[in-house]
PDB file of N, CA and C in Angstrom:
ATOM      1  N   UNK A   1      35.967 -19.467 -13.129  1.00  0.00           N
ATOM      2  CA  UNK A   1      37.132 -19.508 -14.185  1.00  0.00           C
ATOM      3  C   UNK A   1      36.400 -18.431 -14.915  1.00  0.00           C
ATOM      4  N   UNK A   2      35.276 -18.392 -15.067  1.00  0.00           N
ATOM      5  CA  UNK A   2      34.849 -16.950 -16.039  1.00  0.00           C
ATOM      6  C   UNK A   2      35.097 -15.518 -15.309  1.00  0.00           C
ATOM      7  N   UNK A   3      35.194 -15.644 -14.340  1.00  0.00           N
ATOM      8  CA  UNK A   3      35.121 -14.349 -13.776  1.00  0.00           C
ATOM      9  C   UNK A   3      33.522 -13.890 -13.804  1.00  0.00           C
ATOM     10  N   UNK A   4      32.713 -14.804 -13.339  1.00  0.00           N
ATOM     11  CA  UNK A   4      31.334 -14.622 -12.660  1.00  0.00           C
ATOM     12  C   UNK A   4      31.404 -14.391 -11.721  1.00  0.00           C
ATOM     13  N   UNK A   5      30.983 -13.162 -10.828  1.00  0.00           N
ATOM     14  CA  UNK A   5      31.140 -13.106  -9.370  1.00  0.00           C
ATOM     15  C   UNK A   5      29.579 -13.500  -9.296  1.00  0.00           C
ATOM     16  N   UNK A   6      28.977 -14.208  -7.914  1.00  0.00           N
ATOM     17  CA  UNK A   6      27.635 -14.323  -7.159  1.00  0.00           C
ATOM     18  C   UNK A   6      27.735 -13.659  -6.084  1.00  0.00           C
ATOM     19  N   UNK A   7      26.402 -13.134  -5.611  1.00  0.00           N
ATOM     20  CA  UNK A   7      26.384 -12.952  -4.458  1.00  0.00           C
ATOM     21  C   UNK A   7      24.789 -13.683  -3.855  1.00  0.00           C
ATOM     22  N   UNK A   8      24.861 -13.983  -2.690  1.00  0.00           N
ATOM     23  CA  UNK A   8      23.708 -14.120  -2.422  1.00  0.00           C
ATOM     24  C   UNK A   8      23.147 -13.920  -0.731  1.00  0.00           C
ATOM     25  N   UNK A   9      22.200 -13.275  -1.039  1.00  0.00           N
ATOM     26  CA  UNK A   9      21.737 -12.610   0.015  1.00  0.00           C
ATOM     27  C   UNK A   9      19.806 -12.968   0.579  1.00  0.00           C
ATOM     28  N   UNK A  10      19.909 -12.526   1.952  1.00  0.00           N
ATOM     29  CA  UNK A  10      18.522 -13.162   2.505  1.00  0.00           C
ATOM     30  C   UNK A  10      17.837 -12.037   3.077  1.00  0.00           C
ATOM     31  N   UNK A  11      17.408 -12.548   3.696  1.00  0.00           N
ATOM     32  CA  UNK A  11      16.865 -11.005   4.633  1.00  0.00           C
ATOM     33  C   UNK A  11      16.676 -11.564   6.115  1.00  0.00           C
ATOM     34  N   UNK A  12      16.689 -10.210   7.140  1.00  0.00           N
ATOM     35  CA  UNK A  12      16.877 -10.636   8.435  1.00  0.00           C
ATOM     36  C   UNK A  12      15.691 -11.269   8.782  1.00  0.00           C
ATOM     37  N   UNK A  13      15.798 -12.416   9.597  1.00  0.00           N
ATOM     38  CA  UNK A  13      14.194 -13.038  10.617  1.00  0.00           C
ATOM     39  C   UNK A  13      13.426 -11.924  10.554  1.00  0.00           C
ATOM     40  N   UNK A  14      13.583 -10.698  11.235  1.00  0.00           N
ATOM     41  CA  UNK A  14      12.823  -9.639  11.281  1.00  0.00           C
ATOM     42  C   UNK A  14      12.433  -8.499  10.500  1.00  0.00           C
ATOM     43  N   UNK A  15      12.600  -8.886   9.121  1.00  0.00           N
ATOM     44  CA  UNK A  15      13.083  -7.558   8.125  1.00  0.00           C
ATOM     45  C   UNK A  15      11.792  -6.435   8.464  1.00  0.00           C
ATOM     46  N   UNK A  16      10.221  -7.255   8.630  1.00  0.00           N
ATOM     47  CA  UNK A  16       9.217  -6.032   8.258  1.00  0.00           C
ATOM     48  C   UNK A  16       9.379  -5.439   9.602  1.00  0.00           C
ATOM     49  N   UNK A  17       9.809  -6.061  10.703  1.00  0.00           N
ATOM     50  CA  UNK A  17       9.892  -5.386  11.907  1.00  0.00           C
ATOM     51  C   UNK A  17      10.894  -4.221  11.563  1.00  0.00           C
ATOM     52  N   UNK A  18      12.021  -4.389  11.433  1.00  0.00           N
ATOM     53  CA  UNK A  18      12.857  -3.320  10.891  1.00  0.00           C
ATOM     54  C   UNK A  18      12.557  -2.161  10.240  1.00  0.00           C
ATOM     55  N   UNK A  19      12.302  -2.396   9.228  1.00  0.00           N
ATOM     56  CA  UNK A  19      11.751  -1.787   7.887  1.00  0.00           C
ATOM     57  C   UNK A  19      10.506  -0.751   8.541  1.00  0.00           C
ATOM     58  N   UNK A  20       9.724  -1.132   9.775  1.00  0.00           N
ATOM     59  CA  UNK A  20       8.861  -0.284  10.230  1.00  0.00           C
ATOM     60  C   UNK A  20       9.655   0.713  10.917  1.00  0.00           C
ATOM     61  N   UNK A  21      10.510   0.151  11.922  1.00  0.00           N
ATOM     62  CA  UNK A  21      11.343   1.048  12.732  1.00  0.00           C
ATOM     63  C   UNK A  21      12.208   1.892  11.734  1.00  0.00           C
ATOM     64  N   UNK A  22      12.847   1.542  10.333  1.00  0.00           N
ATOM     65  CA  UNK A  22      13.332   2.700   9.794  1.00  0.00           C
ATOM     66  C   UNK A  22      12.412   3.837   9.402  1.00  0.00           C
ATOM     67  N   UNK A  23      11.055   3.007   9.003  1.00  0.00           N
ATOM     68  CA  UNK A  23      10.195   4.019   8.007  1.00  0.00           C
ATOM     69  C   UNK A  23       9.803   5.304   9.302  1.00  0.00           C
ATOM     70  N   UNK A  24       9.682   4.619  10.527  1.00  0.00           N
ATOM     71  CA  UNK A  24       8.983   5.435  11.716  1.00  0.00           C
ATOM     72  C   UNK A  24      10.104   6.701  11.662  1.00  0.00           C
ATOM     73  N   UNK A  25      11.381   6.723  11.953  1.00  0.00           N
ATOM     74  CA  UNK A  25      12.305   7.441  12.228  1.00  0.00           C
ATOM     75  C   UNK A  25      13.435   8.266  10.781  1.00  0.00           C
ATOM     76  N   UNK A  26      12.583   8.053   9.843  1.00  0.00           N
ATOM     77  CA  UNK A  26      13.673   8.220   8.598  1.00  0.00           C
ATOM     78  C   UNK A  26      14.052   9.875   8.783  1.00  0.00           C
ATOM     79  N   UNK A  27      13.049  10.887   9.033  1.00  0.00           N
ATOM     80  CA  UNK A  27      13.091  12.124   8.957  1.00  0.00           C
ATOM     81  C   UNK A  27      14.047  12.398   9.991  1.00  0.00           C
ATOM     82  N   UNK A  28      13.995  11.921  11.010  1.00  0.00           N
ATOM     83  CA  UNK A  28      14.629  12.232  12.417  1.00  0.00           C
ATOM     84  C   UNK A  28      15.853  11.643  11.800  1.00  0.00           C
ATOM     85  N   UNK A  29      16.371  10.330  11.332  1.00  0.00           N
ATOM     86  CA  UNK A  29      17.866  10.122  11.378  1.00  0.00           C
ATOM     87  C   UNK A  29      18.434  10.526  10.000  1.00  0.00           C
ATOM     88  N   UNK A  30      17.420  11.303   9.067  1.00  0.00           N
ATOM     89  CA  UNK A  30      18.320  12.453   7.891  1.00  0.00           C
ATOM     90  C   UNK A  30      18.623  13.884   8.497  1.00  0.00           C
ATOM     91  N   UNK A  31      17.710  14.050   9.287  1.00  0.00           N
ATOM     92  CA  UNK A  31      17.996  15.315  10.015  1.00  0.00           C
ATOM     93  C   UNK A  31      19.480  15.419  10.369  1.00  0.00           C
ATOM     94  N   UNK A  32      19.409  14.113  11.401  1.00  0.00           N
ATOM     95  CA  UNK A  32      20.674  13.832  12.331  1.00  0.00           C
ATOM     96  C   UNK A  32      21.833  13.638  11.540  1.00  0.00           C
ATOM     97  N   UNK A  33      21.523  13.129   9.974  1.00  0.00           N
ATOM     98  CA  UNK A  33      22.989  13.008   9.057  1.00  0.00           C
ATOM     99  C   UNK A  33      23.167  13.958   8.626  1.00  0.00           C
ATOM    100  N   UNK A  34      22.215  15.156   8.448  1.00  0.00           N
ATOM    101  CA  UNK A  34      22.666  15.951   7.714  1.00  0.00           C
ATOM    102  C   UNK A  34      23.086  17.566   8.850  1.00  0.00           C
ATOM    103  N   UNK A  35      22.785  16.916  10.000  1.00  0.00           N
ATOM    104  CA  UNK A  35      23.428  17.910  10.925  1.00  0.00           C
ATOM    105  C   UNK A  35      25.081  17.654  11.252  1.00  0.00           C
ATOM    106  N   UNK A  36      25.212  16.388  10.897  1.00  0.00           N
ATOM    107  CA  UNK A  36      26.985  16.360  10.847  1.00  0.00           C
ATOM    108  C   UNK A  36      26.970  14.890  11.759  1.00  0.00           C
ATOM    109  N   UNK A  37      26.344  14.076  12.543  1.00  0.00           N
ATOM    110  CA  UNK A  37      26.103  13.040  13.007  1.00  0.00           C
ATOM    111  C   UNK A  37      26.052  11.851  12.159  1.00  0.00           C
ATOM    112  N   UNK A  38      26.848  11.686  11.673  1.00  0.00           N
ATOM    113  CA  UNK A  38      27.275  10.043  10.666  1.00  0.00           C
ATOM    114  C   UNK A  38      27.214   8.573  11.749  1.00  0.00           C
ATOM    115  N   UNK A  39      27.059   8.591  12.743  1.00  0.00           N
ATOM    116  CA  UNK A  39      27.094   7.591  13.349  1.00  0.00           C
ATOM    117  C   UNK A  39      25.806   6.472  13.061  1.00  0.00           C
ATOM    118  N   UNK A  40      26.234   5.088  12.787  1.00  0.00           N
ATOM    119  CA  UNK A  40      25.629   4.194  12.450  1.00  0.00           C
ATOM    120  C   UNK A  40      24.141   3.966  12.781  1.00  0.00           C
ATOM    121  N   UNK A  41      22.766   3.696  12.514  1.00  0.00           N
ATOM    122  CA  UNK A  41      21.951   3.813  13.122  1.00  0.00           C
ATOM    123  C   UNK A  41      21.298   2.266  12.944  1.00  0.00           C
ATOM    124  N   UNK A  42      22.204   1.379  12.448  1.00  0.00           N
ATOM    125  CA  UNK A  42      22.204  -0.079  12.226  1.00  0.00           C
ATOM    126  C   UNK A  42      22.674  -0.500  13.831  1.00  0.00           C
ATOM    127  N   UNK A  43      21.677  -1.190  13.967  1.00  0.00           N
ATOM    128  CA  UNK A  43      21.867  -1.951  15.561  1.00  0.00           C
ATOM    129  C   UNK A  43      21.757  -3.438  15.357  1.00  0.00           C
ATOM    130  N   UNK A  44      21.503  -3.804  14.275  1.00  0.00           N
ATOM    131  CA  UNK A  44      21.400  -5.041  14.078  1.00  0.00           C
ATOM    132  C   UNK A  44      22.895  -5.643  13.250  1.00  0.00           C
ATOM    133  N   UNK A  45      23.887  -4.821  13.504  1.00  0.00           N
ATOM    134  CA  UNK A  45      25.121  -5.516  12.883  1.00  0.00           C
ATOM    135  C   UNK A  45      26.361  -5.101  13.518  1.00  0.00           C
TER     136      UNK A  45
END
């Protein structure tokens, strides 16, 4: 009634593994994105 919006989130069960994978390919993914390939690298959704 007061307009307050709440959002609840939680980490994926394999969040640490996912973070390691993203760190390992971050430069390659940025280079790909800047070259115009804007396909998603999110294989978890």
